[in-house]
Amino acid sequence: MRIAVTGSIATDHLMTFPGRFADQLVADQLHTVSLSFLVDNLDVRRGGVAANICFGMGQLGSRPLLVGAAGFDFDEYRAWLDRHGVDTDSVRISEVLHTARFVCTTDKDHNQIGSFYTGAMSEARLIELKAVADRVGGLDLVLIGADDPEAMLRHTEECRTRSIPFAADFSQQIARMDGEEIRTLLDGATYLFSNEYEKGLIESKTGWTDAEILSRVGHRITTLGSRGVRIERVGETPIEVGCPEETAKVDPTGVGDAFRAGFLTGLSWGVGLERAAQVGCMLATLVIETLGTQEYELRRANFMERFTKAYGEEAATEVQSHLL
């Protein structure tokens, strides 16, 4: 399968302030705040939902197509993704804007002050999927992840027009979208991804019931945190897959992206929905045990040992032949 993943490409700049923000705020001067915090450390990490998903797929041996917009400062990040099995030739490079960036400072009470710079992501609306499809000889599936909202709408409409199967995955952009936009983005999707909270928000904003939404998509995939994932389809018994046992819970950031990476890779292997979900849950477990969304290492022997323990010999035999 030729799978394109559209969405954000970004870097995270994470800093730690050893004091408390609250101690620096003067109650009667909040209308004129001017503060500077001397931080202890700076942690720069690669991120963005599309890049995270593609990295995971590359780790599993597939060759995903990353489709998004980055800045003129993307060279080092591109080299990292290329080295980890990602096709970055369809990334649009802005001539004037930096790659999207999240800058966040956390104090000793875990309060945070952050800013998100959209940057080159705003140019994703200029990307034509036909050019991507023509370059690789057609697309079998396009995941439309959180991105510039106009880009998400454009990609969805183009998939419908060109009869390209697509997966709707709003994630953090759902908070700023209205019901009409969400209805447009999910209607006719082959797969609809969300977590439990987003599931309820989708239903609230669209005004559609769970059953009505299910009737408008091929599969509804809801991640359930530590309980795993549920896959629903009209007229069929839901598939529920649990998570493997964790060795540690270090950082939940990027866990959902890792599940999608494993699930999409499983689909490309043709192993079926349950097996694909199991691969996704196993990869998500590796990410939650690691600080950073693209810092984990997929050691195949260890992956299969833990996969076998969680899902059994039959599942492992079916998956192992694809994990080269």
Protein backbone atom coordinates (compact mmCIF):
# COMPACT_ATOMS: atom_id res chain seq x y z
CA MET A 1 0.00 0.00 0.00
CA ARG A 2 1.11 3.53 -0.77
CA ILE A 3 0.07 5.55 2.27
CA ALA A 4 0.42 9.33 2.46
CA VAL A 5 0.29 11.03 5.85
CA THR A 6 -0.65 14.70 5.84
CA GLY A 7 -0.39 16.95 8.88
CA SER A 8 1.91 19.08 10.98
CA ILE A 9 5.69 19.02 10.94
CA ALA A 10 7.13 20.85 13.94
CA THR A 11 9.86 21.08 16.54
CA ASP A 12 9.30 21.39 20.29
CA HIS A 13 11.51 23.68 22.38
CA LEU A 14 10.96 22.67 26.00
CA MET A 15 12.44 24.61 28.93
CA THR A 16 12.34 24.18 32.70
CA PHE A 17 12.05 27.04 35.19
CA PRO A 18 13.26 26.00 38.67
CA GLY A 19 10.87 28.38 40.47
CA ARG A 20 7.11 28.99 40.46
CA PHE A 21 5.37 31.25 37.96
CA ALA A 22 2.86 32.18 40.67
CA ASP A 23 5.63 33.75 42.77
CA GLN A 24 6.45 36.16 39.94
CA LEU A 25 2.92 37.43 39.38
CA VAL A 26 1.65 40.58 41.11
CA ALA A 27 -2.13 40.42 41.50
CA ASP A 28 -2.87 44.09 40.77
CA GLN A 29 -0.41 44.28 37.86
CA LEU A 30 -1.65 41.39 35.71
CA HIS A 31 -2.90 43.83 33.07
CA THR A 32 0.70 44.84 32.34
CA VAL A 33 2.76 41.66 32.69
CA SER A 34 6.38 41.84 31.57
CA LEU A 35 8.42 38.86 32.76
CA SER A 36 11.54 36.95 31.79
CA PHE A 37 12.41 33.56 33.30
CA LEU A 38 15.97 32.25 33.60
CA VAL A 39 15.59 28.58 32.71
CA ASP A 40 17.81 25.66 33.63
CA ASN A 41 17.77 23.66 30.42
CA LEU A 42 16.52 23.54 26.84
CA ASP A 43 15.30 20.32 25.23
CA VAL A 44 14.72 20.49 21.47
CA ARG A 45 12.70 17.60 20.06
CA ARG A 46 11.33 16.70 16.67
CA GLY A 47 7.55 16.52 16.44
CA GLY A 48 4.38 17.24 14.50
CA VAL A 49 1.69 14.59 14.11
CA ALA A 50 2.45 13.70 10.49
CA ALA A 51 6.19 13.45 11.08
CA ASN A 52 5.65 11.36 14.24
CA ILE A 53 3.35 8.92 12.43
CA CYS A 54 5.71 8.61 9.47
CA PHE A 55 8.69 8.03 11.76
CA GLY A 56 6.87 5.13 13.42
CA MET A 57 5.89 3.62 10.10
CA GLY A 58 9.47 3.91 8.91
CA GLN A 59 10.68 2.12 12.05
CA LEU A 60 8.37 -0.78 11.18
CA GLY A 61 9.88 -1.04 7.72
CA SER A 62 7.22 0.62 5.59
CA ARG A 63 7.93 3.63 3.37
CA PRO A 64 5.31 6.29 4.25
CA LEU A 65 4.91 9.49 2.25
CA LEU A 66 5.13 12.59 4.44
CA VAL A 67 2.94 15.39 3.07
CA GLY A 68 3.10 18.75 4.81
CA ALA A 69 4.82 22.12 4.84
CA ALA A 70 8.11 22.94 6.56
CA GLY A 71 10.45 25.90 6.63
CA PHE A 72 13.80 26.66 5.05
CA ASP A 73 15.33 25.30 8.27
CA PHE A 74 14.08 21.76 7.59
CA ASP A 75 17.30 20.21 6.22
CA GLU A 76 18.47 18.51 9.43
CA TYR A 77 15.00 17.24 10.29
CA ARG A 78 14.57 15.96 6.73
CA ALA A 79 17.84 14.05 6.93
CA TRP A 80 16.69 12.41 10.19
CA LEU A 81 13.39 11.29 8.65
CA ASP A 82 15.03 10.11 5.42
CA ARG A 83 17.45 8.02 7.47
CA HIS A 84 14.52 6.40 9.29
CA GLY A 85 12.64 5.26 6.22
CA VAL A 86 10.36 8.22 5.47
CA ASP A 87 9.76 9.57 1.95
CA THR A 88 10.04 13.36 2.40
CA ASP A 89 10.03 14.33 -1.28
CA SER A 90 6.46 15.68 -1.05
CA VAL A 91 7.18 18.11 1.80
CA ARG A 92 6.62 21.70 0.67
CA ILE A 93 9.47 23.99 1.75
CA SER A 94 8.61 27.62 2.46
CA GLU A 95 11.04 30.18 1.14
CA VAL A 96 10.29 32.70 3.88
CA LEU A 97 8.92 30.93 6.97
CA HIS A 98 10.42 28.70 9.66
CA THR A 99 9.14 25.21 10.42
CA ALA A 100 6.26 25.27 12.92
CA ARG A 101 7.48 25.46 16.49
CA PHE A 102 6.12 24.90 19.99
CA VAL A 103 7.97 26.79 22.71
CA CYS A 104 7.06 25.90 26.29
CA THR A 105 8.41 26.65 29.76
CA THR A 106 7.38 24.46 32.71
CA ASP A 107 7.81 25.52 36.34
CA LYS A 108 8.46 23.31 39.39
CA ASP A 109 4.68 22.90 39.96
CA HIS A 110 4.30 21.66 36.35
CA ASN A 111 2.47 24.80 35.28
CA GLN A 112 3.25 25.71 31.70
CA ILE A 113 3.50 28.84 29.56
CA GLY A 114 3.69 27.98 25.89
CA SER A 115 3.34 29.40 22.41
CA PHE A 116 2.78 27.67 19.07
CA TYR A 117 4.25 29.31 15.98
CA THR A 118 2.37 28.12 12.90
CA GLY A 119 5.07 29.21 10.49
CA ALA A 120 5.37 27.20 7.30
CA MET A 121 2.43 24.99 8.27
CA SER A 122 0.16 27.71 6.89
CA GLU A 123 1.42 26.85 3.39
CA ALA A 124 0.14 23.27 3.59
CA ARG A 125 -3.09 24.52 2.01
CA LEU A 126 -1.12 24.97 -1.22
CA ILE A 127 -0.24 21.28 -1.54
CA GLU A 128 -1.97 19.29 -4.30
CA LEU A 129 -2.34 15.58 -3.57
CA LYS A 130 -2.50 14.78 -7.28
CA ALA A 131 1.16 15.74 -7.60
CA VAL A 132 2.01 13.34 -4.78
CA ALA A 133 -0.04 10.54 -6.35
CA ASP A 134 1.49 11.10 -9.79
CA ARG A 135 5.01 10.96 -8.35
CA VAL A 136 4.55 7.53 -6.74
CA GLY A 137 2.07 5.95 -9.14
CA GLY A 138 -1.12 6.45 -7.12
CA LEU A 139 -2.23 6.49 -3.49
CA ASP A 140 -4.08 3.73 -1.66
CA LEU A 141 -4.85 5.74 1.49
CA VAL A 142 -4.35 9.28 2.76
CA LEU A 143 -4.39 10.03 6.48
CA ILE A 144 -5.52 13.61 6.99
CA GLY A 145 -4.04 14.64 10.32
CA ALA A 146 -4.02 17.87 12.33
CA ASP A 147 -2.69 20.62 10.09
CA ASP A 148 -3.58 24.03 8.75
CA PRO A 149 -7.42 23.83 8.79
CA GLU A 150 -7.73 24.94 5.16
CA ALA A 151 -5.25 22.25 4.17
CA MET A 152 -7.30 19.60 5.97
CA LEU A 153 -10.44 20.67 4.13
CA ARG A 154 -8.66 20.83 0.79
CA HIS A 155 -7.08 17.39 1.18
CA THR A 156 -10.43 15.87 2.19
CA GLU A 157 -12.27 17.33 -0.80
CA GLU A 158 -9.50 16.26 -3.16
CA CYS A 159 -9.63 12.69 -1.83
CA ARG A 160 -13.38 12.61 -2.46
CA THR A 161 -13.02 14.11 -5.95
CA ARG A 162 -10.26 11.67 -6.94
CA SER A 163 -11.84 8.67 -5.15
CA ILE A 164 -8.82 8.19 -2.88
CA PRO A 165 -9.68 6.43 0.42
CA PHE A 166 -8.90 8.68 3.39
CA ALA A 167 -8.66 8.55 7.16
CA ALA A 168 -9.95 11.51 9.21
CA ASP A 169 -7.81 12.33 12.24
CA PHE A 170 -8.53 15.79 13.70
CA SER A 171 -6.69 15.38 17.05
CA GLN A 172 -5.79 18.79 18.54
CA GLN A 173 -7.44 20.78 15.75
CA ILE A 174 -10.89 19.60 16.81
CA ALA A 175 -10.98 22.29 19.51
CA ARG A 176 -10.98 25.12 16.96
CA MET A 177 -13.30 23.52 14.40
CA ASP A 178 -17.04 24.02 14.25
CA GLY A 179 -19.64 21.35 13.59
CA GLU A 180 -19.92 22.02 9.86
CA GLU A 181 -16.18 21.66 9.34
CA ILE A 182 -16.06 18.42 11.32
CA ARG A 183 -19.01 16.98 9.40
CA THR A 184 -17.24 17.83 6.13
CA LEU A 185 -13.99 16.24 7.22
CA LEU A 186 -15.40 12.95 8.47
CA ASP A 187 -18.20 12.20 6.02
CA GLY A 188 -17.15 9.28 3.83
CA ALA A 189 -13.88 8.57 5.63
CA THR A 190 -12.65 4.99 5.46
CA TYR A 191 -11.29 5.40 9.00
CA LEU A 192 -12.14 7.94 11.71
CA PHE A 193 -9.55 8.21 14.50
CA SER A 194 -10.11 9.86 17.89
CA ASN A 195 -9.61 9.31 21.58
CA GLU A 196 -12.53 8.96 23.99
CA TYR A 197 -12.77 12.66 24.80
CA GLU A 198 -12.54 13.67 21.15
CA LYS A 199 -15.23 11.09 20.33
CA GLY A 200 -17.68 12.87 22.61
CA LEU A 201 -16.62 16.28 21.30
CA ILE A 202 -17.18 15.17 17.70
CA GLU A 203 -20.69 14.03 18.55
CA SER A 204 -21.43 17.24 20.48
CA LYS A 205 -20.16 19.58 17.77
CA THR A 206 -21.68 17.76 14.79
CA GLY A 207 -25.01 17.07 16.46
CA TRP A 208 -24.77 13.51 15.12
CA THR A 209 -25.20 10.50 17.37
CA ASP A 210 -22.61 7.76 17.64
CA ALA A 211 -24.74 5.59 15.33
CA GLU A 212 -25.13 8.38 12.78
CA ILE A 213 -21.40 9.00 12.66
CA LEU A 214 -20.69 5.28 12.37
CA SER A 215 -23.04 5.12 9.39
CA ARG A 216 -21.01 7.81 7.62
CA VAL A 217 -17.56 6.23 7.99
CA GLY A 218 -16.12 2.84 7.19
CA HIS A 219 -14.52 2.24 10.58
CA ARG A 220 -14.55 4.24 13.81
CA ILE A 221 -11.33 3.78 15.77
CA THR A 222 -11.32 5.07 19.34
CA THR A 223 -8.18 4.92 21.46
CA LEU A 224 -8.94 4.23 25.13
CA GLY A 225 -5.73 5.20 26.89
CA SER A 226 -4.34 2.39 29.01
CA ARG A 227 -7.31 0.19 28.00
CA GLY A 228 -6.19 0.01 24.38
CA VAL A 229 -8.47 0.65 21.41
CA ARG A 230 -11.94 -0.13 20.07
CA ILE A 231 -12.74 -0.54 16.36
CA GLU A 232 -16.37 -0.32 15.24
CA ARG A 233 -18.11 -0.93 11.95
CA VAL A 234 -21.83 -0.94 11.13
CA GLY A 235 -23.37 -4.38 11.56
CA GLU A 236 -20.26 -5.98 13.06
CA THR A 237 -19.16 -6.81 16.60
CA PRO A 238 -16.65 -4.21 17.86
CA ILE A 239 -13.02 -5.27 18.01
CA GLU A 240 -11.28 -4.42 21.28
CA VAL A 241 -7.53 -4.71 21.72
CA GLY A 242 -5.68 -4.13 25.00
CA CYS A 243 -2.22 -2.68 25.55
CA PRO A 244 0.91 -4.68 26.35
CA GLU A 245 2.35 -4.28 29.83
CA GLU A 246 4.51 -1.17 30.22
CA THR A 247 7.98 -1.25 31.76
CA ALA A 248 7.57 2.42 32.74
CA LYS A 249 5.27 5.36 32.03
CA VAL A 250 7.73 8.09 31.09
CA ASP A 251 5.90 10.46 28.72
CA PRO A 252 2.50 10.06 27.01
CA THR A 253 3.27 12.60 24.29
CA GLY A 254 3.08 11.01 20.85
CA VAL A 255 1.46 7.77 21.99
CA GLY A 256 -1.59 8.31 19.75
CA ASP A 257 0.66 9.03 16.78
CA ALA A 258 2.56 5.80 17.42
CA PHE A 259 -0.67 3.79 17.51
CA ARG A 260 -1.66 5.22 14.14
CA ALA A 261 1.78 4.39 12.75
CA GLY A 262 1.49 0.77 13.82
CA PHE A 263 -2.12 0.44 12.72
CA LEU A 264 -1.48 1.90 9.26
CA THR A 265 1.57 -0.31 8.82
CA GLY A 266 -0.48 -3.34 9.79
CA LEU A 267 -3.04 -2.39 7.15
CA SER A 268 -0.26 -2.16 4.57
CA TRP A 269 0.84 -5.67 5.55
CA GLY A 270 -2.70 -6.95 5.03
CA VAL A 271 -2.89 -8.61 8.46
CA GLY A 272 -6.45 -7.51 9.31
CA LEU A 273 -7.89 -4.95 11.70
CA GLU A 274 -7.25 -6.77 14.98
CA ARG A 275 -3.63 -7.55 14.17
CA ALA A 276 -3.08 -4.00 12.89
CA ALA A 277 -4.46 -2.63 16.15
CA GLN A 278 -2.18 -4.93 18.13
CA VAL A 279 0.86 -3.65 16.22
CA GLY A 280 -0.32 -0.11 16.93
CA CYS A 281 -0.72 -0.76 20.66
CA MET A 282 2.71 -2.38 20.87
CA LEU A 283 4.38 0.59 19.18
CA ALA A 284 2.44 3.03 21.39
CA THR A 285 3.75 1.20 24.44
CA LEU A 286 7.35 1.75 23.30
CA VAL A 287 6.66 5.47 22.98
CA ILE A 288 5.11 5.89 26.43
CA GLU A 289 8.27 4.30 27.87
CA THR A 290 10.46 6.93 26.16
CA LEU A 291 10.94 10.68 26.58
CA GLY A 292 10.22 12.23 23.19
CA THR A 293 8.00 11.26 20.28
CA GLN A 294 10.78 10.05 17.96
CA GLU A 295 13.41 8.91 20.44
CA TYR A 296 12.45 5.25 20.82
CA GLU A 297 14.35 2.41 19.21
CA LEU A 298 12.49 -0.50 17.66
CA ARG A 299 14.56 -3.60 18.37
CA ARG A 300 12.75 -6.30 16.44
CA ALA A 301 13.56 -9.27 18.68
CA ASN A 302 12.40 -7.37 21.76
CA PHE A 303 9.32 -6.08 19.92
CA MET A 304 8.29 -9.61 18.94
CA GLU A 305 9.00 -11.05 22.39
CA ARG A 306 6.73 -8.51 24.02
CA PHE A 307 4.15 -8.77 21.25
CA THR A 308 4.00 -12.54 21.71
CA LYS A 309 3.57 -12.19 25.46
CA ALA A 310 0.71 -9.72 24.99
CA TYR A 311 -1.17 -11.28 22.07
CA GLY A 312 -0.10 -14.90 21.73
CA GLU A 313 1.84 -17.14 19.36
CA GLU A 314 -0.71 -17.09 16.53
CA ALA A 315 -0.76 -13.30 16.37
CA ALA A 316 3.03 -13.14 16.59
CA THR A 317 3.51 -15.64 13.76
CA GLU A 318 1.27 -13.60 11.49
CA VAL A 319 3.06 -10.35 12.25
CA GLN A 320 6.67 -11.57 12.39
CA SER A 321 6.86 -12.43 8.70
CA HIS A 322 6.28 -8.76 7.88
CA LEU A 323 8.67 -7.29 10.44
CA LEU A 324 11.92 -7.66 8.57
